[in-house]
Amino acid sequence: MTKITFFRRGKAYYGFHESGHTGWGESGDDVLCAALSAMTMLIINTIEVSYGCDVEYIIDEKTTDITVRVPGAYSHPDERKRYAVSGLLQGYFLQLNDMLEDYYDYLDVDEVIEPGEDD
């Protein structure tokens, strides 16, 4: 099972941690794992390149642990960038929650909420 925990400060999503193999298929043929990897890299690349925000990420291929944090989602001076980055991360959270309907044996999605300025 892959566990994905999202980090939120107030209403602003600013990162996530993924760990474990989904177990949906054999290693190398696990399309669910491949989908998660593709979505994760889409998030990182979009934030870094398209939005021009710094992304702190660690990918451990041996353990399949991935940690992504984007402090700019709650602290960037440009409010539009904060909104865009947080919205993209929230979209990933919502997508994964939709996927739970079909893949509840392979995914676990959670969130950690810290107090923020908008609370």
PDB file of N, CA and C in Angstrom:
ATOM      1  N   MET A   1       0.845  -1.187   0.000  1.00  0.00           N
ATOM      2  CA  MET A   1       0.000   0.000   0.000  1.00  0.00           C
ATOM      3  C   MET A   1       0.883   1.241   0.000  1.00  0.00           C
ATOM      4  N   THR A   2       0.446   2.231  -0.741  1.00  0.00           N
ATOM      5  CA  THR A   2       1.124   3.527  -0.729  1.00  0.00           C
ATOM      6  C   THR A   2       0.333   4.464   0.163  1.00  0.00           C
ATOM      7  N   LYS A   3       1.028   5.087   1.093  1.00  0.00           N
ATOM      8  CA  LYS A   3       0.411   6.079   1.973  1.00  0.00           C
ATOM      9  C   LYS A   3       0.886   7.449   1.537  1.00  0.00           C
ATOM     10  N   ILE A   4      -0.065   8.349   1.317  1.00  0.00           N
ATOM     11  CA  ILE A   4       0.253   9.721   0.930  1.00  0.00           C
ATOM     12  C   ILE A   4      -0.340  10.646   1.989  1.00  0.00           C
ATOM     13  N   THR A   5       0.524  11.405   2.634  1.00  0.00           N
ATOM     14  CA  THR A   5       0.096  12.362   3.646  1.00  0.00           C
ATOM     15  C   THR A   5       0.381  13.758   3.122  1.00  0.00           C
ATOM     16  N   PHE A   6      -0.648  14.578   3.056  1.00  0.00           N
ATOM     17  CA  PHE A   6      -0.509  15.956   2.583  1.00  0.00           C
ATOM     18  C   PHE A   6      -0.307  16.883   3.766  1.00  0.00           C
ATOM     19  N   PHE A   7       0.470  17.938   3.527  1.00  0.00           N
ATOM     20  CA  PHE A   7       0.749  18.938   4.538  1.00  0.00           C
ATOM     21  C   PHE A   7      -0.028  20.207   4.183  1.00  0.00           C
ATOM     22  N   ARG A   8      -0.718  20.726   5.183  1.00  0.00           N
ATOM     23  CA  ARG A   8      -1.524  21.925   4.976  1.00  0.00           C
ATOM     24  C   ARG A   8      -1.309  22.870   6.142  1.00  0.00           C
ATOM     25  N   ARG A   9      -1.131  24.132   5.823  1.00  0.00           N
ATOM     26  CA  ARG A   9      -1.040  25.182   6.840  1.00  0.00           C
ATOM     27  C   ARG A   9      -2.250  26.072   6.634  1.00  0.00           C
ATOM     28  N   GLY A  10      -3.194  26.017   7.564  1.00  0.00           N
ATOM     29  CA  GLY A  10      -4.457  26.717   7.360  1.00  0.00           C
ATOM     30  C   GLY A  10      -5.149  26.124   6.152  1.00  0.00           C
ATOM     31  N   LYS A  11      -5.438  26.946   5.163  1.00  0.00           N
ATOM     32  CA  LYS A  11      -6.076  26.472   3.930  1.00  0.00           C
ATOM     33  C   LYS A  11      -5.071  26.165   2.827  1.00  0.00           C
ATOM     34  N   ALA A  12      -3.801  26.454   3.076  1.00  0.00           N
ATOM     35  CA  ALA A  12      -2.775  26.313   2.036  1.00  0.00           C
ATOM     36  C   ALA A  12      -2.103  24.942   2.076  1.00  0.00           C
ATOM     37  N   TYR A  13      -2.292  24.164   1.013  1.00  0.00           N
ATOM     38  CA  TYR A  13      -1.563  22.910   0.855  1.00  0.00           C
ATOM     39  C   TYR A  13      -0.144  23.264   0.427  1.00  0.00           C
ATOM     40  N   TYR A  14       0.848  22.666   1.107  1.00  0.00           N
ATOM     41  CA  TYR A  14       2.233  23.036   0.775  1.00  0.00           C
ATOM     42  C   TYR A  14       3.152  21.835   0.562  1.00  0.00           C
ATOM     43  N   GLY A  15       2.626  20.621   0.571  1.00  0.00           N
ATOM     44  CA  GLY A  15       3.487  19.479   0.306  1.00  0.00           C
ATOM     45  C   GLY A  15       2.828  18.161   0.625  1.00  0.00           C
ATOM     46  N   PHE A  16       3.618  17.086   0.468  1.00  0.00           N
ATOM     47  CA  PHE A  16       3.111  15.749   0.751  1.00  0.00           C
ATOM     48  C   PHE A  16       4.282  14.792   0.922  1.00  0.00           C
ATOM     49  N   HIS A  17       3.972  13.659   1.514  1.00  0.00           N
ATOM     50  CA  HIS A  17       4.941  12.568   1.682  1.00  0.00           C
ATOM     51  C   HIS A  17       4.273  11.290   1.191  1.00  0.00           C
ATOM     52  N   GLU A  18       4.954  10.575   0.295  1.00  0.00           N
ATOM     53  CA  GLU A  18       4.463   9.292  -0.213  1.00  0.00           C
ATOM     54  C   GLU A  18       5.415   8.212   0.243  1.00  0.00           C
ATOM     55  N   SER A  19       4.872   7.079   0.662  1.00  0.00           N
ATOM     56  CA  SER A  19       5.741   5.963   1.038  1.00  0.00           C
ATOM     57  C   SER A  19       5.059   4.637   0.730  1.00  0.00           C
ATOM     58  N   GLY A  20       5.861   3.672   0.350  1.00  0.00           N
ATOM     59  CA  GLY A  20       5.392   2.320   0.108  1.00  0.00           C
ATOM     60  C   GLY A  20       5.008   2.051  -1.341  1.00  0.00           C
ATOM     61  N   HIS A  21       4.999   0.775  -1.669  1.00  0.00           N
ATOM     62  CA  HIS A  21       4.557   0.325  -2.996  1.00  0.00           C
ATOM     63  C   HIS A  21       3.062   0.051  -2.949  1.00  0.00           C
ATOM     64  N   THR A  22       2.360   0.364  -4.016  1.00  0.00           N
ATOM     65  CA  THR A  22       0.912   0.138  -4.034  1.00  0.00           C
ATOM     66  C   THR A  22       0.575  -1.341  -3.934  1.00  0.00           C
ATOM     67  N   GLY A  23       1.357  -2.186  -4.586  1.00  0.00           N
ATOM     68  CA  GLY A  23       1.051  -3.614  -4.589  1.00  0.00           C
ATOM     69  C   GLY A  23      -0.044  -3.993  -5.566  1.00  0.00           C
ATOM     70  N   TRP A  24      -0.444  -3.054  -6.414  1.00  0.00           N
ATOM     71  CA  TRP A  24      -1.501  -3.330  -7.395  1.00  0.00           C
ATOM     72  C   TRP A  24      -1.028  -4.329  -8.448  1.00  0.00           C
ATOM     73  N   GLY A  25       0.236  -4.271  -8.811  1.00  0.00           N
ATOM     74  CA  GLY A  25       0.791  -5.177  -9.816  1.00  0.00           C
ATOM     75  C   GLY A  25       2.232  -5.521  -9.484  1.00  0.00           C
ATOM     76  N   GLU A  26       2.807  -6.360 -10.291  1.00  0.00           N
ATOM     77  CA  GLU A  26       4.212  -6.734 -10.124  1.00  0.00           C
ATOM     78  C   GLU A  26       5.102  -5.520 -10.364  1.00  0.00           C
ATOM     79  N   SER A  27       6.246  -5.502  -9.703  1.00  0.00           N
ATOM     80  CA  SER A  27       7.200  -4.420  -9.891  1.00  0.00           C
ATOM     81  C   SER A  27       7.543  -4.283 -11.375  1.00  0.00           C
ATOM     82  N   GLY A  28       7.454  -3.085 -11.881  1.00  0.00           N
ATOM     83  CA  GLY A  28       7.694  -2.835 -13.302  1.00  0.00           C
ATOM     84  C   GLY A  28       6.425  -2.860 -14.135  1.00  0.00           C
ATOM     85  N   ASP A  29       5.372  -3.490 -13.619  1.00  0.00           N
ATOM     86  CA  ASP A  29       4.085  -3.559 -14.328  1.00  0.00           C
ATOM     87  C   ASP A  29       2.950  -2.939 -13.508  1.00  0.00           C
ATOM     88  N   ASP A  30       3.282  -2.236 -12.460  1.00  0.00           N
ATOM     89  CA  ASP A  30       2.277  -1.655 -11.567  1.00  0.00           C
ATOM     90  C   ASP A  30       1.845  -0.294 -12.110  1.00  0.00           C
ATOM     91  N   VAL A  31       0.735  -0.282 -12.848  1.00  0.00           N
ATOM     92  CA  VAL A  31       0.291   0.968 -13.478  1.00  0.00           C
ATOM     93  C   VAL A  31      -0.174   1.996 -12.445  1.00  0.00           C
ATOM     94  N   LEU A  32      -0.658   1.551 -11.304  1.00  0.00           N
ATOM     95  CA  LEU A  32      -1.069   2.493 -10.262  1.00  0.00           C
ATOM     96  C   LEU A  32       0.157   3.220  -9.705  1.00  0.00           C
ATOM     97  N   CYS A  33       1.217   2.478  -9.455  1.00  0.00           N
ATOM     98  CA  CYS A  33       2.466   3.082  -8.978  1.00  0.00           C
ATOM     99  C   CYS A  33       3.033   4.047 -10.037  1.00  0.00           C
ATOM    100  N   ALA A  34       2.962   3.624 -11.292  1.00  0.00           N
ATOM    101  CA  ALA A  34       3.444   4.484 -12.383  1.00  0.00           C
ATOM    102  C   ALA A  34       2.623   5.768 -12.457  1.00  0.00           C
ATOM    103  N   ALA A  35       1.319   5.658 -12.255  1.00  0.00           N
ATOM    104  CA  ALA A  35       0.456   6.851 -12.281  1.00  0.00           C
ATOM    105  C   ALA A  35       0.825   7.810 -11.156  1.00  0.00           C
ATOM    106  N   LEU A  36       1.062   7.280  -9.956  1.00  0.00           N
ATOM    107  CA  LEU A  36       1.459   8.129  -8.834  1.00  0.00           C
ATOM    108  C   LEU A  36       2.785   8.825  -9.112  1.00  0.00           C
ATOM    109  N   SER A  37       3.732   8.079  -9.658  1.00  0.00           N
ATOM    110  CA  SER A  37       5.039   8.669  -9.983  1.00  0.00           C
ATOM    111  C   SER A  37       4.893   9.781 -11.010  1.00  0.00           C
ATOM    112  N   ALA A  38       4.085   9.539 -12.036  1.00  0.00           N
ATOM    113  CA  ALA A  38       3.889  10.548 -13.087  1.00  0.00           C
ATOM    114  C   ALA A  38       3.208  11.792 -12.523  1.00  0.00           C
ATOM    115  N   MET A  39       2.186  11.607 -11.685  1.00  0.00           N
ATOM    116  CA  MET A  39       1.501  12.761 -11.101  1.00  0.00           C
ATOM    117  C   MET A  39       2.434  13.544 -10.180  1.00  0.00           C
ATOM    118  N   THR A  40       3.256  12.834  -9.417  1.00  0.00           N
ATOM    119  CA  THR A  40       4.194  13.498  -8.515  1.00  0.00           C
ATOM    120  C   THR A  40       5.190  14.352  -9.292  1.00  0.00           C
ATOM    121  N   MET A  41       5.752  13.806 -10.358  1.00  0.00           N
ATOM    122  CA  MET A  41       6.715  14.567 -11.158  1.00  0.00           C
ATOM    123  C   MET A  41       6.037  15.728 -11.887  1.00  0.00           C
ATOM    124  N   LEU A  42       4.782  15.556 -12.282  1.00  0.00           N
ATOM    125  CA  LEU A  42       4.028  16.657 -12.897  1.00  0.00           C
ATOM    126  C   LEU A  42       3.901  17.810 -11.900  1.00  0.00           C
ATOM    127  N   ILE A  43       3.587  17.487 -10.654  1.00  0.00           N
ATOM    128  CA  ILE A  43       3.457  18.513  -9.609  1.00  0.00           C
ATOM    129  C   ILE A  43       4.793  19.247  -9.432  1.00  0.00           C
ATOM    130  N   ILE A  44       5.871  18.485  -9.254  1.00  0.00           N
ATOM    131  CA  ILE A  44       7.189  19.095  -9.030  1.00  0.00           C
ATOM    132  C   ILE A  44       7.588  19.971 -10.212  1.00  0.00           C
ATOM    133  N   ASN A  45       7.492  19.452 -11.421  1.00  0.00           N
ATOM    134  CA  ASN A  45       7.910  20.204 -12.607  1.00  0.00           C
ATOM    135  C   ASN A  45       7.047  21.435 -12.848  1.00  0.00           C
ATOM    136  N   THR A  46       5.751  21.322 -12.635  1.00  0.00           N
ATOM    137  CA  THR A  46       4.865  22.472 -12.844  1.00  0.00           C
ATOM    138  C   THR A  46       5.188  23.589 -11.863  1.00  0.00           C
ATOM    139  N   ILE A  47       5.392  23.242 -10.608  1.00  0.00           N
ATOM    140  CA  ILE A  47       5.685  24.264  -9.607  1.00  0.00           C
ATOM    141  C   ILE A  47       7.041  24.914  -9.873  1.00  0.00           C
ATOM    142  N   GLU A  48       8.060  24.099 -10.171  1.00  0.00           N
ATOM    143  CA  GLU A  48       9.401  24.641 -10.404  1.00  0.00           C
ATOM    144  C   GLU A  48       9.492  25.440 -11.694  1.00  0.00           C
ATOM    145  N   VAL A  49       9.013  24.876 -12.785  1.00  0.00           N
ATOM    146  CA  VAL A  49       9.220  25.484 -14.100  1.00  0.00           C
ATOM    147  C   VAL A  49       8.108  26.475 -14.457  1.00  0.00           C
ATOM    148  N   SER A  50       6.873  26.033 -14.408  1.00  0.00           N
ATOM    149  CA  SER A  50       5.769  26.899 -14.840  1.00  0.00           C
ATOM    150  C   SER A  50       5.477  28.025 -13.856  1.00  0.00           C
ATOM    151  N   TYR A  51       5.534  27.711 -12.543  1.00  0.00           N
ATOM    152  CA  TYR A  51       5.216  28.715 -11.530  1.00  0.00           C
ATOM    153  C   TYR A  51       6.458  29.423 -10.996  1.00  0.00           C
ATOM    154  N   GLY A  52       7.652  28.911 -11.300  1.00  0.00           N
ATOM    155  CA  GLY A  52       8.888  29.540 -10.862  1.00  0.00           C
ATOM    156  C   GLY A  52       9.056  29.602  -9.356  1.00  0.00           C
ATOM    157  N   CYS A  53       8.572  28.575  -8.650  1.00  0.00           N
ATOM    158  CA  CYS A  53       8.711  28.513  -7.192  1.00  0.00           C
ATOM    159  C   CYS A  53       9.683  27.401  -6.823  1.00  0.00           C
ATOM    160  N   ASP A  54      10.374  27.596  -5.735  1.00  0.00           N
ATOM    161  CA  ASP A  54      11.299  26.579  -5.251  1.00  0.00           C
ATOM    162  C   ASP A  54      10.529  25.395  -4.676  1.00  0.00           C
ATOM    163  N   VAL A  55      10.998  24.199  -5.009  1.00  0.00           N
ATOM    164  CA  VAL A  55      10.429  22.966  -4.476  1.00  0.00           C
ATOM    165  C   VAL A  55      11.529  22.214  -3.752  1.00  0.00           C
ATOM    166  N   GLU A  56      11.276  21.861  -2.516  1.00  0.00           N
ATOM    167  CA  GLU A  56      12.198  21.030  -1.758  1.00  0.00           C
ATOM    168  C   GLU A  56      11.676  19.603  -1.863  1.00  0.00           C
ATOM    169  N   TYR A  57      12.468  18.715  -2.464  1.00  0.00           N
ATOM    170  CA  TYR A  57      11.990  17.340  -2.551  1.00  0.00           C
ATOM    171  C   TYR A  57      13.128  16.356  -2.391  1.00  0.00           C
ATOM    172  N   ILE A  58      12.771  15.218  -1.833  1.00  0.00           N
ATOM    173  CA  ILE A  58      13.698  14.107  -1.629  1.00  0.00           C
ATOM    174  C   ILE A  58      13.011  12.869  -2.178  1.00  0.00           C
ATOM    175  N   ILE A  59      13.687  12.164  -3.064  1.00  0.00           N
ATOM    176  CA  ILE A  59      13.165  10.928  -3.620  1.00  0.00           C
ATOM    177  C   ILE A  59      14.150   9.814  -3.282  1.00  0.00           C
ATOM    178  N   ASP A  60      13.693   8.848  -2.503  1.00  0.00           N
ATOM    179  CA  ASP A  60      14.514   7.695  -2.147  1.00  0.00           C
ATOM    180  C   ASP A  60      13.976   6.492  -2.916  1.00  0.00           C
ATOM    181  N   GLU A  61      14.641   6.139  -3.992  1.00  0.00           N
ATOM    182  CA  GLU A  61      14.152   5.073  -4.860  1.00  0.00           C
ATOM    183  C   GLU A  61      14.204   3.698  -4.204  1.00  0.00           C
ATOM    184  N   LYS A  62      15.084   3.512  -3.226  1.00  0.00           N
ATOM    185  CA  LYS A  62      15.164   2.215  -2.542  1.00  0.00           C
ATOM    186  C   LYS A  62      13.936   1.973  -1.674  1.00  0.00           C
ATOM    187  N   THR A  63      13.515   3.001  -0.952  1.00  0.00           N
ATOM    188  CA  THR A  63      12.375   2.847  -0.044  1.00  0.00           C
ATOM    189  C   THR A  63      11.074   3.345  -0.659  1.00  0.00           C
ATOM    190  N   THR A  64      11.142   3.959  -1.806  1.00  0.00           N
ATOM    191  CA  THR A  64      10.019   4.616  -2.498  1.00  0.00           C
ATOM    192  C   THR A  64       9.431   5.762  -1.687  1.00  0.00           C
ATOM    193  N   ASP A  65      10.182   6.311  -0.760  1.00  0.00           N
ATOM    194  CA  ASP A  65       9.723   7.482  -0.019  1.00  0.00           C
ATOM    195  C   ASP A  65       9.984   8.738  -0.843  1.00  0.00           C
ATOM    196  N   ILE A  66       8.962   9.583  -0.911  1.00  0.00           N
ATOM    197  CA  ILE A  66       9.070  10.855  -1.619  1.00  0.00           C
ATOM    198  C   ILE A  66       8.493  11.921  -0.706  1.00  0.00           C
ATOM    199  N   THR A  67       9.262  12.962  -0.469  1.00  0.00           N
ATOM    200  CA  THR A  67       8.777  14.093   0.312  1.00  0.00           C
ATOM    201  C   THR A  67       8.905  15.342  -0.542  1.00  0.00           C
ATOM    202  N   VAL A  68       7.807  16.078  -0.642  1.00  0.00           N
ATOM    203  CA  VAL A  68       7.758  17.312  -1.424  1.00  0.00           C
ATOM    204  C   VAL A  68       7.222  18.416  -0.523  1.00  0.00           C
ATOM    205  N   ARG A  69       7.959  19.514  -0.459  1.00  0.00           N
ATOM    206  CA  ARG A  69       7.518  20.684   0.316  1.00  0.00           C
ATOM    207  C   ARG A  69       7.744  21.942  -0.513  1.00  0.00           C
ATOM    208  N   VAL A  70       6.752  22.816  -0.474  1.00  0.00           N
ATOM    209  CA  VAL A  70       6.823  24.081  -1.205  1.00  0.00           C
ATOM    210  C   VAL A  70       6.422  25.197  -0.232  1.00  0.00           C
ATOM    211  N   PRO A  71       7.387  25.716   0.509  1.00  0.00           N
ATOM    212  CA  PRO A  71       7.072  26.778   1.464  1.00  0.00           C
ATOM    213  C   PRO A  71       6.400  27.989   0.810  1.00  0.00           C
ATOM    214  N   GLY A  72       6.680  28.211  -0.474  1.00  0.00           N
ATOM    215  CA  GLY A  72       6.064  29.338  -1.174  1.00  0.00           C
ATOM    216  C   GLY A  72       4.552  29.253  -1.251  1.00  0.00           C
ATOM    217  N   ALA A  73       3.982  28.077  -1.011  1.00  0.00           N
ATOM    218  CA  ALA A  73       2.532  27.926  -1.050  1.00  0.00           C
ATOM    219  C   ALA A  73       1.850  28.718   0.063  1.00  0.00           C
ATOM    220  N   TYR A  74       2.607  29.054   1.110  1.00  0.00           N
ATOM    221  CA  TYR A  74       2.023  29.880   2.175  1.00  0.00           C
ATOM    222  C   TYR A  74       2.851  31.132   2.473  1.00  0.00           C
ATOM    223  N   SER A  75       4.056  31.248   1.857  1.00  0.00           N
ATOM    224  CA  SER A  75       4.891  32.401   2.217  1.00  0.00           C
ATOM    225  C   SER A  75       5.399  33.219   1.025  1.00  0.00           C
ATOM    226  N   HIS A  76       5.085  32.819  -0.189  1.00  0.00           N
ATOM    227  CA  HIS A  76       5.578  33.570  -1.358  1.00  0.00           C
ATOM    228  C   HIS A  76       4.962  34.963  -1.349  1.00  0.00           C
ATOM    229  N   PRO A  77       5.740  35.996  -1.681  1.00  0.00           N
ATOM    230  CA  PRO A  77       5.202  37.361  -1.665  1.00  0.00           C
ATOM    231  C   PRO A  77       4.104  37.598  -2.711  1.00  0.00           C
ATOM    232  N   ASP A  78       4.082  36.793  -3.757  1.00  0.00           N
ATOM    233  CA  ASP A  78       3.054  36.940  -4.796  1.00  0.00           C
ATOM    234  C   ASP A  78       1.863  36.049  -4.448  1.00  0.00           C
ATOM    235  N   GLU A  79       0.765  36.682  -4.085  1.00  0.00           N
ATOM    236  CA  GLU A  79      -0.433  35.951  -3.668  1.00  0.00           C
ATOM    237  C   GLU A  79      -0.930  34.997  -4.761  1.00  0.00           C
ATOM    238  N   ARG A  80      -0.799  35.386  -6.027  1.00  0.00           N
ATOM    239  CA  ARG A  80      -1.253  34.524  -7.127  1.00  0.00           C
ATOM    240  C   ARG A  80      -0.444  33.232  -7.183  1.00  0.00           C
ATOM    241  N   LYS A  81       0.860  33.331  -6.938  1.00  0.00           N
ATOM    242  CA  LYS A  81       1.693  32.121  -6.926  1.00  0.00           C
ATOM    243  C   LYS A  81       1.335  31.231  -5.746  1.00  0.00           C
ATOM    244  N   ARG A  82       1.105  31.839  -4.585  1.00  0.00           N
ATOM    245  CA  ARG A  82       0.701  31.042  -3.414  1.00  0.00           C
ATOM    246  C   ARG A  82      -0.581  30.275  -3.733  1.00  0.00           C
ATOM    247  N   TYR A  83      -1.537  30.970  -4.309  1.00  0.00           N
ATOM    248  CA  TYR A  83      -2.823  30.365  -4.641  1.00  0.00           C
ATOM    249  C   TYR A  83      -2.664  29.259  -5.689  1.00  0.00           C
ATOM    250  N   ALA A  84      -1.858  29.499  -6.712  1.00  0.00           N
ATOM    251  CA  ALA A  84      -1.653  28.518  -7.781  1.00  0.00           C
ATOM    252  C   ALA A  84      -0.966  27.262  -7.263  1.00  0.00           C
ATOM    253  N   VAL A  85       0.090  27.433  -6.477  1.00  0.00           N
ATOM    254  CA  VAL A  85       0.832  26.278  -5.955  1.00  0.00           C
ATOM    255  C   VAL A  85      -0.049  25.470  -5.011  1.00  0.00           C
ATOM    256  N   SER A  86      -0.689  26.130  -4.082  1.00  0.00           N
ATOM    257  CA  SER A  86      -1.556  25.431  -3.141  1.00  0.00           C
ATOM    258  C   SER A  86      -2.704  24.734  -3.874  1.00  0.00           C
ATOM    259  N   GLY A  87      -3.244  25.406  -4.885  1.00  0.00           N
ATOM    260  CA  GLY A  87      -4.338  24.813  -5.658  1.00  0.00           C
ATOM    261  C   GLY A  87      -3.913  23.567  -6.411  1.00  0.00           C
ATOM    262  N   LEU A  88      -2.703  23.578  -6.954  1.00  0.00           N
ATOM    263  CA  LEU A  88      -2.192  22.403  -7.653  1.00  0.00           C
ATOM    264  C   LEU A  88      -2.021  21.230  -6.673  1.00  0.00           C
ATOM    265  N   LEU A  89      -1.463  21.501  -5.507  1.00  0.00           N
ATOM    266  CA  LEU A  89      -1.300  20.459  -4.497  1.00  0.00           C
ATOM    267  C   LEU A  89      -2.656  19.966  -3.985  1.00  0.00           C
ATOM    268  N   GLN A  90      -3.597  20.868  -3.816  1.00  0.00           N
ATOM    269  CA  GLN A  90      -4.937  20.463  -3.401  1.00  0.00           C
ATOM    270  C   GLN A  90      -5.600  19.606  -4.482  1.00  0.00           C
ATOM    271  N   GLY A  91      -5.356  19.951  -5.744  1.00  0.00           N
ATOM    272  CA  GLY A  91      -5.898  19.149  -6.841  1.00  0.00           C
ATOM    273  C   GLY A  91      -5.384  17.721  -6.797  1.00  0.00           C
ATOM    274  N   TYR A  92      -4.109  17.545  -6.464  1.00  0.00           N
ATOM    275  CA  TYR A  92      -3.525  16.206  -6.322  1.00  0.00           C
ATOM    276  C   TYR A  92      -4.205  15.474  -5.162  1.00  0.00           C
ATOM    277  N   PHE A  93      -4.391  16.161  -4.046  1.00  0.00           N
ATOM    278  CA  PHE A  93      -5.077  15.584  -2.893  1.00  0.00           C
ATOM    279  C   PHE A  93      -6.486  15.117  -3.284  1.00  0.00           C
ATOM    280  N   LEU A  94      -7.222  15.955  -3.982  1.00  0.00           N
ATOM    281  CA  LEU A  94      -8.584  15.603  -4.382  1.00  0.00           C
ATOM    282  C   LEU A  94      -8.597  14.449  -5.383  1.00  0.00           C
ATOM    283  N   GLN A  95      -7.656  14.452  -6.329  1.00  0.00           N
ATOM    284  CA  GLN A  95      -7.559  13.364  -7.310  1.00  0.00           C
ATOM    285  C   GLN A  95      -7.316  12.027  -6.622  1.00  0.00           C
ATOM    286  N   LEU A  96      -6.383  12.018  -5.675  1.00  0.00           N
ATOM    287  CA  LEU A  96      -6.087  10.779  -4.961  1.00  0.00           C
ATOM    288  C   LEU A  96      -7.279  10.307  -4.136  1.00  0.00           C
ATOM    289  N   ASN A  97      -8.016  11.245  -3.548  1.00  0.00           N
ATOM    290  CA  ASN A  97      -9.211  10.859  -2.804  1.00  0.00           C
ATOM    291  C   ASN A  97     -10.269  10.258  -3.723  1.00  0.00           C
ATOM    292  N   ASP A  98     -10.383  10.777  -4.936  1.00  0.00           N
ATOM    293  CA  ASP A  98     -11.294  10.175  -5.920  1.00  0.00           C
ATOM    294  C   ASP A  98     -10.855   8.759  -6.279  1.00  0.00           C
ATOM    295  N   MET A  99      -9.557   8.551  -6.383  1.00  0.00           N
ATOM    296  CA  MET A  99      -9.023   7.238  -6.743  1.00  0.00           C
ATOM    297  C   MET A  99      -9.236   6.197  -5.641  1.00  0.00           C
ATOM    298  N   LEU A 100      -9.435   6.653  -4.409  1.00  0.00           N
ATOM    299  CA  LEU A 100      -9.651   5.717  -3.300  1.00  0.00           C
ATOM    300  C   LEU A 100     -10.871   4.828  -3.530  1.00  0.00           C
ATOM    301  N   GLU A 101     -11.853   5.339  -4.243  1.00  0.00           N
ATOM    302  CA  GLU A 101     -13.062   4.559  -4.513  1.00  0.00           C
ATOM    303  C   GLU A 101     -12.735   3.234  -5.195  1.00  0.00           C
ATOM    304  N   ASP A 102     -11.806   3.266  -6.130  1.00  0.00           N
ATOM    305  CA  ASP A 102     -11.427   2.056  -6.867  1.00  0.00           C
ATOM    306  C   ASP A 102     -10.194   1.357  -6.316  1.00  0.00           C
ATOM    307  N   TYR A 103      -9.354   2.076  -5.583  1.00  0.00           N
ATOM    308  CA  TYR A 103      -8.059   1.527  -5.158  1.00  0.00           C
ATOM    309  C   TYR A 103      -7.863   1.589  -3.644  1.00  0.00           C
ATOM    310  N   TYR A 104      -8.927   1.453  -2.876  1.00  0.00           N
ATOM    311  CA  TYR A 104      -8.825   1.586  -1.419  1.00  0.00           C
ATOM    312  C   TYR A 104      -7.909   0.549  -0.778  1.00  0.00           C
ATOM    313  N   ASP A 105      -7.682  -0.579  -1.424  1.00  0.00           N
ATOM    314  CA  ASP A 105      -6.765  -1.585  -0.883  1.00  0.00           C
ATOM    315  C   ASP A 105      -5.300  -1.254  -1.165  1.00  0.00           C
ATOM    316  N   TYR A 106      -5.058  -0.245  -2.008  1.00  0.00           N
ATOM    317  CA  TYR A 106      -3.703   0.047  -2.459  1.00  0.00           C
ATOM    318  C   TYR A 106      -3.216   1.443  -2.094  1.00  0.00           C
ATOM    319  N   LEU A 107      -4.155   2.324  -1.696  1.00  0.00           N
ATOM    320  CA  LEU A 107      -3.819   3.713  -1.374  1.00  0.00           C
ATOM    321  C   LEU A 107      -4.401   4.101  -0.021  1.00  0.00           C
ATOM    322  N   ASP A 108      -3.682   4.953   0.667  1.00  0.00           N
ATOM    323  CA  ASP A 108      -4.172   5.573   1.890  1.00  0.00           C
ATOM    324  C   ASP A 108      -3.807   7.048   1.792  1.00  0.00           C
ATOM    325  N   VAL A 109      -4.797   7.917   1.875  1.00  0.00           N
ATOM    326  CA  VAL A 109      -4.573   9.362   1.727  1.00  0.00           C
ATOM    327  C   VAL A 109      -5.014  10.048   3.012  1.00  0.00           C
ATOM    328  N   ASP A 110      -4.139  10.917   3.508  1.00  0.00           N
ATOM    329  CA  ASP A 110      -4.402  11.616   4.761  1.00  0.00           C
ATOM    330  C   ASP A 110      -3.853  13.034   4.636  1.00  0.00           C
ATOM    331  N   GLU A 111      -4.136  13.854   5.626  1.00  0.00           N
ATOM    332  CA  GLU A 111      -3.551  15.193   5.649  1.00  0.00           C
ATOM    333  C   GLU A 111      -3.257  15.603   7.076  1.00  0.00           C
ATOM    334  N   VAL A 112      -2.198  16.376   7.213  1.00  0.00           N
ATOM    335  CA  VAL A 112      -1.802  16.954   8.492  1.00  0.00           C
ATOM    336  C   VAL A 112      -2.058  18.446   8.362  1.00  0.00           C
ATOM    337  N   ILE A 113      -2.852  18.975   9.271  1.00  0.00           N
ATOM    338  CA  ILE A 113      -3.228  20.389   9.194  1.00  0.00           C
ATOM    339  C   ILE A 113      -2.598  21.148  10.358  1.00  0.00           C
ATOM    340  N   GLU A 114      -1.806  22.150  10.002  1.00  0.00           N
ATOM    341  CA  GLU A 114      -1.205  23.041  10.988  1.00  0.00           C
ATOM    342  C   GLU A 114      -2.034  24.324  11.028  1.00  0.00           C
ATOM    343  N   PRO A 115      -2.058  25.006  12.142  1.00  0.00           N
ATOM    344  CA  PRO A 115      -2.755  26.289  12.161  1.00  0.00           C
ATOM    345  C   PRO A 115      -2.083  27.271  11.202  1.00  0.00           C
ATOM    346  N   GLY A 116      -2.875  28.090  10.573  1.00  0.00           N
ATOM    347  CA  GLY A 116      -2.345  29.093   9.648  1.00  0.00           C
ATOM    348  C   GLY A 116      -2.964  30.441   9.877  1.00  0.00           C
ATOM    349  N   GLU A 117      -2.514  31.405   9.123  1.00  0.00           N
ATOM    350  CA  GLU A 117      -3.010  32.776   9.270  1.00  0.00           C
ATOM    351  C   GLU A 117      -4.494  32.895   8.943  1.00  0.00           C
ATOM    352  N   ASP A 118      -5.016  32.018   8.081  1.00  0.00           N
ATOM    353  CA  ASP A 118      -6.398  32.141   7.643  1.00  0.00           C
ATOM    354  C   ASP A 118      -7.377  31.376   8.527  1.00  0.00           C
ATOM    355  N   ASP A 119      -6.912  30.859   9.660  1.00  0.00           N
ATOM    356  CA  ASP A 119      -7.808  30.121  10.573  1.00  0.00           C
ATOM    357  C   ASP A 119      -8.472  31.062  11.550  1.00  0.00           C
TER     358      ASP A 119
END
